């Protein structure tokens, strides 16, 4: 079995994401960013997330012109 690749997002990207939402309820996080609450908590804490999730998230942020 292959080890999962992990990726850290830049703190300024996470700060920008935080500024977009009004609360941190799971449904708000999912609607705005397409990620689950556990992933959001990892991002807020500066922890790495799965590389594939980070790629999809960055594509979504670019599409929505948040970054």
Protein backbone atom coordinates (compact mmCIF):
# COMPACT_ATOMS: atom_id res chain seq x y z
CA UNK A 1 0.00 0.00 0.00
CA UNK A 2 1.27 3.43 -0.97
CA UNK A 3 1.65 6.22 1.58
CA UNK A 4 -0.69 9.18 1.08
CA UNK A 5 0.83 12.41 -0.14
CA UNK A 6 0.06 15.32 2.15
CA UNK A 7 0.09 19.02 1.37
CA UNK A 8 0.10 22.16 3.50
CA UNK A 9 -1.84 25.21 2.33
CA UNK A 10 -0.31 28.62 2.80
CA UNK A 11 -1.61 30.41 5.92
CA UNK A 12 -2.71 33.42 3.85
CA UNK A 13 -4.96 31.18 1.74
CA UNK A 14 -6.58 29.75 4.88
CA UNK A 15 -6.99 33.29 6.25
CA UNK A 16 -8.72 34.33 3.01
CA UNK A 17 -11.02 31.30 3.24
CA UNK A 18 -11.84 32.19 6.85
CA UNK A 19 -12.75 35.74 5.83
CA UNK A 20 -15.32 34.46 3.30
CA UNK A 21 -17.46 32.49 5.74
CA UNK A 22 -19.69 33.87 8.47
CA UNK A 23 -19.70 30.75 10.63
CA UNK A 24 -17.93 27.41 10.73
CA UNK A 25 -20.86 25.02 10.57
CA UNK A 26 -20.18 21.87 8.52
CA UNK A 27 -22.80 22.74 5.91
CA UNK A 28 -21.32 26.23 5.41
CA UNK A 29 -17.80 24.82 4.98
CA UNK A 30 -19.07 22.18 2.54
CA UNK A 31 -21.09 24.68 0.51
CA UNK A 32 -18.32 27.26 0.22
CA UNK A 33 -15.27 25.06 -0.17
CA UNK A 34 -16.41 21.51 -0.89
CA UNK A 35 -14.50 20.08 2.08
CA UNK A 36 -15.58 18.44 5.30
CA UNK A 37 -15.29 19.85 8.79
CA UNK A 38 -12.34 17.61 9.69
CA UNK A 39 -10.38 18.94 6.72
CA UNK A 40 -11.29 22.51 7.67
CA UNK A 41 -10.06 21.94 11.23
CA UNK A 42 -6.75 20.60 9.88
CA UNK A 43 -6.36 23.66 7.66
CA UNK A 44 -7.12 26.06 10.52
CA UNK A 45 -4.53 24.29 12.69
CA UNK A 46 -1.89 24.50 9.94
CA UNK A 47 -1.83 20.75 9.42
CA UNK A 48 -1.37 18.95 6.12
CA UNK A 49 -4.31 17.54 4.18
CA UNK A 50 -4.42 14.90 1.44
CA UNK A 51 -2.78 16.18 -1.71
CA UNK A 52 -5.78 15.25 -3.88
CA UNK A 53 -8.11 17.23 -1.60
CA UNK A 54 -5.73 20.20 -1.65
CA UNK A 55 -5.65 20.15 -5.46
CA UNK A 56 -9.44 20.11 -5.74
CA UNK A 57 -9.75 22.83 -3.12
CA UNK A 58 -7.24 25.09 -4.89
CA UNK A 59 -9.06 24.59 -8.20
CA UNK A 60 -12.34 25.53 -6.54
CA UNK A 61 -10.82 28.61 -4.88
CA UNK A 62 -9.37 29.74 -8.21
CA UNK A 63 -12.67 29.08 -10.00
CA UNK A 64 -14.54 31.12 -7.37
CA UNK A 65 -11.81 33.80 -7.57
CA UNK A 66 -10.99 33.57 -3.87
CA UNK A 67 -7.28 33.33 -4.58
